[in-house]
Amino acid sequence: MIRRHIVFHGRVQGVGFRYRSAMMANELGLTGWVRNQCDGTVEMEVQGKSLLISRLIHELKNDRYIEITDMECEALPVKEHEVRFRTSY
């Protein structure tokens, strides 16, 4: 089990990024949150098995409307009692 803080750059706002992220993360059993930032990036904290987080990112990169040009990723401590993935505003 790992937790990552990720900032996504590119065409990531106004293209369903948060909705798609939350839908897929919940299907994969991941927890955390995703939200838009004022600078046009999208920020995410995601927790779960490394392989499943990689799958989430792969699917987002291959979405026809989303265009990720860069990602900043940082390891975080696991939050033991988190139970779902949500969209923050």
PDB file of N, CA and C in Angstrom:
ATOM      1  N   MET A   1       0.850  -1.180   0.000  1.00  0.00           N
ATOM      2  CA  MET A   1       0.000   0.000   0.000  1.00  0.00           C
ATOM      3  C   MET A   1       0.895   1.243   0.000  1.00  0.00           C
ATOM      4  N   ILE A   2       0.608   2.149  -0.935  1.00  0.00           N
ATOM      5  CA  ILE A   2       1.364   3.401  -1.038  1.00  0.00           C
ATOM      6  C   ILE A   2       0.389   4.570  -1.187  1.00  0.00           C
ATOM      7  N   ARG A   3       0.895   5.776  -0.958  1.00  0.00           N
ATOM      8  CA  ARG A   3       0.120   6.998  -1.179  1.00  0.00           C
ATOM      9  C   ARG A   3       0.990   7.967  -1.950  1.00  0.00           C
ATOM     10  N   ARG A   4       0.413   8.613  -2.957  1.00  0.00           N
ATOM     11  CA  ARG A   4       1.143   9.559  -3.794  1.00  0.00           C
ATOM     12  C   ARG A   4       0.377  10.871  -3.916  1.00  0.00           C
ATOM     13  N   HIS A   5       1.119  11.958  -3.903  1.00  0.00           N
ATOM     14  CA  HIS A   5       0.588  13.285  -4.231  1.00  0.00           C
ATOM     15  C   HIS A   5       1.068  13.565  -5.645  1.00  0.00           C
ATOM     16  N   ILE A   6       0.127  13.841  -6.554  1.00  0.00           N
ATOM     17  CA  ILE A   6       0.468  14.046  -7.963  1.00  0.00           C
ATOM     18  C   ILE A   6      -0.165  15.344  -8.442  1.00  0.00           C
ATOM     19  N   VAL A   7       0.621  16.153  -9.154  1.00  0.00           N
ATOM     20  CA  VAL A   7       0.098  17.347  -9.814  1.00  0.00           C
ATOM     21  C   VAL A   7       0.207  17.096 -11.314  1.00  0.00           C
ATOM     22  N   PHE A   8      -0.924  17.183 -11.999  1.00  0.00           N
ATOM     23  CA  PHE A   8      -1.000  16.934 -13.437  1.00  0.00           C
ATOM     24  C   PHE A   8      -1.028  18.260 -14.186  1.00  0.00           C
ATOM     25  N   HIS A   9      -0.213  18.369 -15.223  1.00  0.00           N
ATOM     26  CA  HIS A   9      -0.152  19.549 -16.084  1.00  0.00           C
ATOM     27  C   HIS A   9      -0.651  19.160 -17.476  1.00  0.00           C
ATOM     28  N   GLY A  10      -1.141  20.140 -18.210  1.00  0.00           N
ATOM     29  CA  GLY A  10      -1.600  19.904 -19.575  1.00  0.00           C
ATOM     30  C   GLY A  10      -3.047  20.328 -19.733  1.00  0.00           C
ATOM     31  N   ARG A  11      -3.753  19.654 -20.636  1.00  0.00           N
ATOM     32  CA  ARG A  11      -5.188  19.903 -20.809  1.00  0.00           C
ATOM     33  C   ARG A  11      -5.905  18.967 -19.839  1.00  0.00           C
ATOM     34  N   VAL A  12      -6.026  19.430 -18.588  1.00  0.00           N
ATOM     35  CA  VAL A  12      -6.547  18.579 -17.519  1.00  0.00           C
ATOM     36  C   VAL A  12      -7.754  19.187 -16.807  1.00  0.00           C
ATOM     37  N   GLN A  13      -8.140  20.400 -17.172  1.00  0.00           N
ATOM     38  CA  GLN A  13      -9.350  21.003 -16.609  1.00  0.00           C
ATOM     39  C   GLN A  13     -10.371  21.186 -17.726  1.00  0.00           C
ATOM     40  N   GLY A  14     -11.634  20.985 -17.379  1.00  0.00           N
ATOM     41  CA  GLY A  14     -12.700  21.144 -18.362  1.00  0.00           C
ATOM     42  C   GLY A  14     -12.840  19.981 -19.330  1.00  0.00           C
ATOM     43  N   VAL A  15     -12.219  18.853 -19.006  1.00  0.00           N
ATOM     44  CA  VAL A  15     -12.251  17.688 -19.900  1.00  0.00           C
ATOM     45  C   VAL A  15     -12.728  16.417 -19.177  1.00  0.00           C
ATOM     46  N   GLY A  16     -13.304  16.567 -17.983  1.00  0.00           N
ATOM     47  CA  GLY A  16     -13.797  15.418 -17.238  1.00  0.00           C
ATOM     48  C   GLY A  16     -12.743  14.696 -16.428  1.00  0.00           C
ATOM     49  N   PHE A  17     -11.604  15.333 -16.193  1.00  0.00           N
ATOM     50  CA  PHE A  17     -10.495  14.685 -15.489  1.00  0.00           C
ATOM     51  C   PHE A  17     -10.910  14.233 -14.086  1.00  0.00           C
ATOM     52  N   ARG A  18     -11.507  15.127 -13.309  1.00  0.00           N
ATOM     53  CA  ARG A  18     -11.872  14.775 -11.929  1.00  0.00           C
ATOM     54  C   ARG A  18     -12.926  13.664 -11.902  1.00  0.00           C
ATOM     55  N   TYR A  19     -13.932  13.792 -12.738  1.00  0.00           N
ATOM     56  CA  TYR A  19     -14.983  12.771 -12.793  1.00  0.00           C
ATOM     57  C   TYR A  19     -14.396  11.413 -13.174  1.00  0.00           C
ATOM     58  N   ARG A  20     -13.596  11.403 -14.230  1.00  0.00           N
ATOM     59  CA  ARG A  20     -12.992  10.151 -14.715  1.00  0.00           C
ATOM     60  C   ARG A  20     -12.068   9.550 -13.655  1.00  0.00           C
ATOM     61  N   SER A  21     -11.268  10.410 -13.005  1.00  0.00           N
ATOM     62  CA  SER A  21     -10.362   9.947 -11.950  1.00  0.00           C
ATOM     63  C   SER A  21     -11.126   9.281 -10.812  1.00  0.00           C
ATOM     64  N   ALA A  22     -12.172   9.960 -10.334  1.00  0.00           N
ATOM     65  CA  ALA A  22     -12.936   9.432  -9.205  1.00  0.00           C
ATOM     66  C   ALA A  22     -13.638   8.126  -9.577  1.00  0.00           C
ATOM     67  N   MET A  23     -14.236   8.085 -10.761  1.00  0.00           N
ATOM     68  CA  MET A  23     -14.935   6.882 -11.199  1.00  0.00           C
ATOM     69  C   MET A  23     -13.971   5.690 -11.273  1.00  0.00           C
ATOM     70  N   MET A  24     -12.841   5.900 -11.926  1.00  0.00           N
ATOM     71  CA  MET A  24     -11.873   4.808 -12.096  1.00  0.00           C
ATOM     72  C   MET A  24     -11.225   4.409 -10.772  1.00  0.00           C
ATOM     73  N   ALA A  25     -10.857   5.403  -9.955  1.00  0.00           N
ATOM     74  CA  ALA A  25     -10.212   5.107  -8.674  1.00  0.00           C
ATOM     75  C   ALA A  25     -11.131   4.273  -7.790  1.00  0.00           C
ATOM     76  N   ASN A  26     -12.401   4.632  -7.744  1.00  0.00           N
ATOM     77  CA  ASN A  26     -13.344   3.849  -6.939  1.00  0.00           C
ATOM     78  C   ASN A  26     -13.527   2.447  -7.499  1.00  0.00           C
ATOM     79  N   GLU A  27     -13.564   2.308  -8.822  1.00  0.00           N
ATOM     80  CA  GLU A  27     -13.653   0.975  -9.429  1.00  0.00           C
ATOM     81  C   GLU A  27     -12.435   0.122  -9.085  1.00  0.00           C
ATOM     82  N   LEU A  28     -11.268   0.752  -8.989  1.00  0.00           N
ATOM     83  CA  LEU A  28     -10.027   0.028  -8.695  1.00  0.00           C
ATOM     84  C   LEU A  28      -9.802  -0.171  -7.196  1.00  0.00           C
ATOM     85  N   GLY A  29     -10.665   0.406  -6.365  1.00  0.00           N
ATOM     86  CA  GLY A  29     -10.513   0.264  -4.916  1.00  0.00           C
ATOM     87  C   GLY A  29      -9.470   1.193  -4.328  1.00  0.00           C
ATOM     88  N   LEU A  30      -9.149   2.274  -5.041  1.00  0.00           N
ATOM     89  CA  LEU A  30      -8.189   3.259  -4.550  1.00  0.00           C
ATOM     90  C   LEU A  30      -8.911   4.288  -3.693  1.00  0.00           C
ATOM     91  N   THR A  31      -8.169   4.959  -2.823  1.00  0.00           N
ATOM     92  CA  THR A  31      -8.740   6.019  -2.002  1.00  0.00           C
ATOM     93  C   THR A  31      -7.964   7.306  -2.238  1.00  0.00           C
ATOM     94  N   GLY A  32      -8.537   8.427  -1.782  1.00  0.00           N
ATOM     95  CA  GLY A  32      -7.869   9.716  -1.907  1.00  0.00           C
ATOM     96  C   GLY A  32      -8.815  10.785  -2.401  1.00  0.00           C
ATOM     97  N   TRP A  33      -8.273  11.743  -3.134  1.00  0.00           N
ATOM     98  CA  TRP A  33      -9.070  12.856  -3.637  1.00  0.00           C
ATOM     99  C   TRP A  33      -8.406  13.484  -4.854  1.00  0.00           C
ATOM    100  N   VAL A  34      -9.182  14.294  -5.587  1.00  0.00           N
ATOM    101  CA  VAL A  34      -8.686  15.019  -6.754  1.00  0.00           C
ATOM    102  C   VAL A  34      -9.380  16.381  -6.787  1.00  0.00           C
ATOM    103  N   ARG A  35      -8.634  17.438  -7.177  1.00  0.00           N
ATOM    104  CA  ARG A  35      -9.228  18.777  -7.261  1.00  0.00           C
ATOM    105  C   ARG A  35      -8.478  19.646  -8.259  1.00  0.00           C
ATOM    106  N   ASN A  36      -9.216  20.587  -8.851  1.00  0.00           N
ATOM    107  CA  ASN A  36      -8.624  21.575  -9.748  1.00  0.00           C
ATOM    108  C   ASN A  36      -7.871  22.618  -8.936  1.00  0.00           C
ATOM    109  N   GLN A  37      -6.812  23.150  -9.549  1.00  0.00           N
ATOM    110  CA  GLN A  37      -6.052  24.241  -8.939  1.00  0.00           C
ATOM    111  C   GLN A  37      -6.237  25.507  -9.782  1.00  0.00           C
ATOM    112  N   CYS A  38      -6.062  26.664  -9.162  1.00  0.00           N
ATOM    113  CA  CYS A  38      -6.245  27.956  -9.853  1.00  0.00           C
ATOM    114  C   CYS A  38      -5.282  28.145 -11.021  1.00  0.00           C
ATOM    115  N   ASP A  39      -4.144  27.465 -11.002  1.00  0.00           N
ATOM    116  CA  ASP A  39      -3.141  27.636 -12.063  1.00  0.00           C
ATOM    117  C   ASP A  39      -3.385  26.742 -13.282  1.00  0.00           C
ATOM    118  N   GLY A  40      -4.514  26.014 -13.300  1.00  0.00           N
ATOM    119  CA  GLY A  40      -4.846  25.167 -14.444  1.00  0.00           C
ATOM    120  C   GLY A  40      -4.400  23.722 -14.303  1.00  0.00           C
ATOM    121  N   THR A  41      -3.711  23.398 -13.219  1.00  0.00           N
ATOM    122  CA  THR A  41      -3.304  22.011 -12.974  1.00  0.00           C
ATOM    123  C   THR A  41      -4.405  21.284 -12.210  1.00  0.00           C
ATOM    124  N   VAL A  42      -4.249  19.979 -12.088  1.00  0.00           N
ATOM    125  CA  VAL A  42      -5.125  19.168 -11.253  1.00  0.00           C
ATOM    126  C   VAL A  42      -4.243  18.463 -10.234  1.00  0.00           C
ATOM    127  N   GLU A  43      -4.647  18.527  -8.981  1.00  0.00           N
ATOM    128  CA  GLU A  43      -3.905  17.932  -7.873  1.00  0.00           C
ATOM    129  C   GLU A  43      -4.643  16.687  -7.391  1.00  0.00           C
ATOM    130  N   MET A  44      -3.886  15.642  -7.080  1.00  0.00           N
ATOM    131  CA  MET A  44      -4.482  14.383  -6.629  1.00  0.00           C
ATOM    132  C   MET A  44      -3.641  13.783  -5.508  1.00  0.00           C
ATOM    133  N   GLU A  45      -4.316  13.210  -4.530  1.00  0.00           N
ATOM    134  CA  GLU A  45      -3.679  12.287  -3.596  1.00  0.00           C
ATOM    135  C   GLU A  45      -4.384  10.966  -3.800  1.00  0.00           C
ATOM    136  N   VAL A  46      -3.609   9.930  -4.039  1.00  0.00           N
ATOM    137  CA  VAL A  46      -4.189   8.618  -4.325  1.00  0.00           C
ATOM    138  C   VAL A  46      -3.437   7.565  -3.519  1.00  0.00           C
ATOM    139  N   GLN A  47      -4.203   6.601  -3.011  1.00  0.00           N
ATOM    140  CA  GLN A  47      -3.637   5.568  -2.152  1.00  0.00           C
ATOM    141  C   GLN A  47      -4.161   4.201  -2.565  1.00  0.00           C
ATOM    142  N   GLY A  48      -3.260   3.234  -2.551  1.00  0.00           N
ATOM    143  CA  GLY A  48      -3.624   1.857  -2.877  1.00  0.00           C
ATOM    144  C   GLY A  48      -2.405   1.090  -3.331  1.00  0.00           C
ATOM    145  N   LYS A  49      -2.635  -0.013  -4.004  1.00  0.00           N
ATOM    146  CA  LYS A  49      -1.538  -0.817  -4.537  1.00  0.00           C
ATOM    147  C   LYS A  49      -0.877  -0.069  -5.689  1.00  0.00           C
ATOM    148  N   SER A  50       0.430  -0.121  -5.728  1.00  0.00           N
ATOM    149  CA  SER A  50       1.212   0.586  -6.749  1.00  0.00           C
ATOM    150  C   SER A  50       0.745   0.265  -8.161  1.00  0.00           C
ATOM    151  N   LEU A  51       0.495  -0.996  -8.435  1.00  0.00           N
ATOM    152  CA  LEU A  51       0.057  -1.428  -9.763  1.00  0.00           C
ATOM    153  C   LEU A  51      -1.281  -0.786 -10.152  1.00  0.00           C
ATOM    154  N   LEU A  52      -2.182  -0.657  -9.185  1.00  0.00           N
ATOM    155  CA  LEU A  52      -3.488  -0.070  -9.466  1.00  0.00           C
ATOM    156  C   LEU A  52      -3.388   1.441  -9.681  1.00  0.00           C
ATOM    157  N   ILE A  53      -2.502   2.101  -8.949  1.00  0.00           N
ATOM    158  CA  ILE A  53      -2.278   3.536  -9.175  1.00  0.00           C
ATOM    159  C   ILE A  53      -1.685   3.744 -10.563  1.00  0.00           C
ATOM    160  N   SER A  54      -0.746   2.889 -10.947  1.00  0.00           N
ATOM    161  CA  SER A  54      -0.166   2.967 -12.291  1.00  0.00           C
ATOM    162  C   SER A  54      -1.228   2.771 -13.356  1.00  0.00           C
ATOM    163  N   ARG A  55      -2.149   1.852 -13.111  1.00  0.00           N
ATOM    164  CA  ARG A  55      -3.233   1.609 -14.067  1.00  0.00           C
ATOM    165  C   ARG A  55      -4.136   2.838 -14.197  1.00  0.00           C
ATOM    166  N   LEU A  56      -4.459   3.477 -13.073  1.00  0.00           N
ATOM    167  CA  LEU A  56      -5.265   4.698 -13.091  1.00  0.00           C
ATOM    168  C   LEU A  56      -4.591   5.772 -13.937  1.00  0.00           C
ATOM    169  N   ILE A  57      -3.315   5.993 -13.699  1.00  0.00           N
ATOM    170  CA  ILE A  57      -2.575   7.019 -14.450  1.00  0.00           C
ATOM    171  C   ILE A  57      -2.506   6.663 -15.928  1.00  0.00           C
ATOM    172  N   HIS A  58      -2.270   5.403 -16.235  1.00  0.00           N
ATOM    173  CA  HIS A  58      -2.225   4.953 -17.630  1.00  0.00           C
ATOM    174  C   HIS A  58      -3.549   5.245 -18.341  1.00  0.00           C
ATOM    175  N   GLU A  59      -4.647   4.931 -17.685  1.00  0.00           N
ATOM    176  CA  GLU A  59      -5.965   5.166 -18.278  1.00  0.00           C
ATOM    177  C   GLU A  59      -6.219   6.662 -18.483  1.00  0.00           C
ATOM    178  N   LEU A  60      -5.819   7.482 -17.529  1.00  0.00           N
ATOM    179  CA  LEU A  60      -5.989   8.935 -17.672  1.00  0.00           C
ATOM    180  C   LEU A  60      -5.145   9.460 -18.832  1.00  0.00           C
ATOM    181  N   LYS A  61      -3.920   8.964 -18.956  1.00  0.00           N
ATOM    182  CA  LYS A  61      -3.044   9.407 -20.055  1.00  0.00           C
ATOM    183  C   LYS A  61      -3.598   9.012 -21.419  1.00  0.00           C
ATOM    184  N   ASN A  62      -4.363   7.936 -21.466  1.00  0.00           N
ATOM    185  CA  ASN A  62      -4.886   7.445 -22.730  1.00  0.00           C
ATOM    186  C   ASN A  62      -6.320   7.877 -23.007  1.00  0.00           C
ATOM    187  N   ASP A  63      -6.875   8.728 -22.178  1.00  0.00           N
ATOM    188  CA  ASP A  63      -8.214   9.257 -22.405  1.00  0.00           C
ATOM    189  C   ASP A  63      -8.176  10.191 -23.608  1.00  0.00           C
ATOM    190  N   ARG A  64      -9.208  10.160 -24.421  1.00  0.00           N
ATOM    191  CA  ARG A  64      -9.199  10.935 -25.668  1.00  0.00           C
ATOM    192  C   ARG A  64      -9.307  12.435 -25.454  1.00  0.00           C
ATOM    193  N   TYR A  65      -9.810  12.880 -24.309  1.00  0.00           N
ATOM    194  CA  TYR A  65      -9.973  14.319 -24.064  1.00  0.00           C
ATOM    195  C   TYR A  65      -8.883  14.901 -23.170  1.00  0.00           C
ATOM    196  N   ILE A  66      -8.305  14.070 -22.336  1.00  0.00           N
ATOM    197  CA  ILE A  66      -7.267  14.505 -21.400  1.00  0.00           C
ATOM    198  C   ILE A  66      -5.908  14.470 -22.087  1.00  0.00           C
ATOM    199  N   GLU A  67      -5.108  15.507 -21.855  1.00  0.00           N
ATOM    200  CA  GLU A  67      -3.737  15.523 -22.378  1.00  0.00           C
ATOM    201  C   GLU A  67      -2.790  15.914 -21.249  1.00  0.00           C
ATOM    202  N   ILE A  68      -2.136  14.934 -20.663  1.00  0.00           N
ATOM    203  CA  ILE A  68      -1.182  15.158 -19.581  1.00  0.00           C
ATOM    204  C   ILE A  68       0.188  15.403 -20.202  1.00  0.00           C
ATOM    205  N   THR A  69       0.736  16.596 -19.971  1.00  0.00           N
ATOM    206  CA  THR A  69       2.053  16.926 -20.517  1.00  0.00           C
ATOM    207  C   THR A  69       3.171  16.752 -19.499  1.00  0.00           C
ATOM    208  N   ASP A  70       2.826  16.783 -18.203  1.00  0.00           N
ATOM    209  CA  ASP A  70       3.829  16.623 -17.153  1.00  0.00           C
ATOM    210  C   ASP A  70       3.127  16.222 -15.868  1.00  0.00           C
ATOM    211  N   MET A  71       3.869  15.537 -14.995  1.00  0.00           N
ATOM    212  CA  MET A  71       3.351  15.147 -13.684  1.00  0.00           C
ATOM    213  C   MET A  71       4.440  15.354 -12.649  1.00  0.00           C
ATOM    214  N   GLU A  72       4.065  15.912 -11.512  1.00  0.00           N
ATOM    215  CA  GLU A  72       4.955  16.009 -10.358  1.00  0.00           C
ATOM    216  C   GLU A  72       4.426  15.014  -9.334  1.00  0.00           C
ATOM    217  N   CYS A  73       5.269  14.104  -8.877  1.00  0.00           N
ATOM    218  CA  CYS A  73       4.825  13.032  -7.986  1.00  0.00           C
ATOM    219  C   CYS A  73       5.685  13.001  -6.727  1.00  0.00           C
ATOM    220  N   GLU A  74       5.019  12.832  -5.590  1.00  0.00           N
ATOM    221  CA  GLU A  74       5.708  12.805  -4.305  1.00  0.00           C
ATOM    222  C   GLU A  74       5.098  11.702  -3.443  1.00  0.00           C
ATOM    223  N   ALA A  75       5.933  10.944  -2.745  1.00  0.00           N
ATOM    224  CA  ALA A  75       5.458   9.909  -1.832  1.00  0.00           C
ATOM    225  C   ALA A  75       4.957  10.554  -0.541  1.00  0.00           C
ATOM    226  N   LEU A  76       3.851  10.026  -0.025  1.00  0.00           N
ATOM    227  CA  LEU A  76       3.259  10.494   1.226  1.00  0.00           C
ATOM    228  C   LEU A  76       3.023   9.313   2.153  1.00  0.00           C
ATOM    229  N   PRO A  77       2.874   9.581   3.453  1.00  0.00           N
ATOM    230  CA  PRO A  77       2.503   8.499   4.375  1.00  0.00           C
ATOM    231  C   PRO A  77       1.084   8.002   4.077  1.00  0.00           C
ATOM    232  N   VAL A  78       0.872   6.727   4.256  1.00  0.00           N
ATOM    233  CA  VAL A  78      -0.444   6.108   4.048  1.00  0.00           C
ATOM    234  C   VAL A  78      -1.403   6.601   5.134  1.00  0.00           C
ATOM    235  N   LYS A  79      -2.652   6.873   4.739  1.00  0.00           N
ATOM    236  CA  LYS A  79      -3.715   7.225   5.689  1.00  0.00           C
ATOM    237  C   LYS A  79      -4.528   5.964   5.943  1.00  0.00           C
ATOM    238  N   GLU A  80      -4.398   5.413   7.125  1.00  0.00           N
ATOM    239  CA  GLU A  80      -4.960   4.100   7.453  1.00  0.00           C
ATOM    240  C   GLU A  80      -6.476   4.015   7.356  1.00  0.00           C
ATOM    241  N   HIS A  81      -7.202   5.058   7.687  1.00  0.00           N
ATOM    242  CA  HIS A  81      -8.655   4.942   7.802  1.00  0.00           C
ATOM    243  C   HIS A  81      -9.425   5.564   6.640  1.00  0.00           C
ATOM    244  N   GLU A  82      -8.746   5.893   5.569  1.00  0.00           N
ATOM    245  CA  GLU A  82      -9.429   6.448   4.398  1.00  0.00           C
ATOM    246  C   GLU A  82     -10.182   5.324   3.693  1.00  0.00           C
ATOM    247  N   VAL A  83     -11.420   5.606   3.259  1.00  0.00           N
ATOM    248  CA  VAL A  83     -12.244   4.518   2.726  1.00  0.00           C
ATOM    249  C   VAL A  83     -12.695   4.699   1.279  1.00  0.00           C
ATOM    250  N   ARG A  84     -12.553   5.913   0.713  1.00  0.00           N
ATOM    251  CA  ARG A  84     -13.013   6.096  -0.662  1.00  0.00           C
ATOM    252  C   ARG A  84     -12.219   7.204  -1.354  1.00  0.00           C
ATOM    253  N   PHE A  85     -12.455   7.336  -2.639  1.00  0.00           N
ATOM    254  CA  PHE A  85     -11.849   8.392  -3.438  1.00  0.00           C
ATOM    255  C   PHE A  85     -12.938   9.418  -3.737  1.00  0.00           C
ATOM    256  N   ARG A  86     -12.610  10.687  -3.572  1.00  0.00           N
ATOM    257  CA  ARG A  86     -13.618  11.734  -3.758  1.00  0.00           C
ATOM    258  C   ARG A  86     -13.080  12.885  -4.595  1.00  0.00           C
ATOM    259  N   THR A  87     -13.990  13.645  -5.132  1.00  0.00           N
ATOM    260  CA  THR A  87     -13.668  14.857  -5.864  1.00  0.00           C
ATOM    261  C   THR A  87     -13.828  16.032  -4.915  1.00  0.00           C
ATOM    262  N   SER A  88     -12.797  16.858  -4.807  1.00  0.00           N
ATOM    263  CA  SER A  88     -12.863  18.065  -3.975  1.00  0.00           C
ATOM    264  C   SER A  88     -13.041  19.264  -4.852  1.00  0.00           C
ATOM    265  N   TYR A  89     -13.646  20.300  -4.340  1.00  0.00           N
ATOM    266  CA  TYR A  89     -13.846  21.528  -5.086  1.00  0.00           C
ATOM    267  C   TYR A  89     -13.094  22.659  -4.451  1.00  0.00           C
TER     268      TYR A  89
END
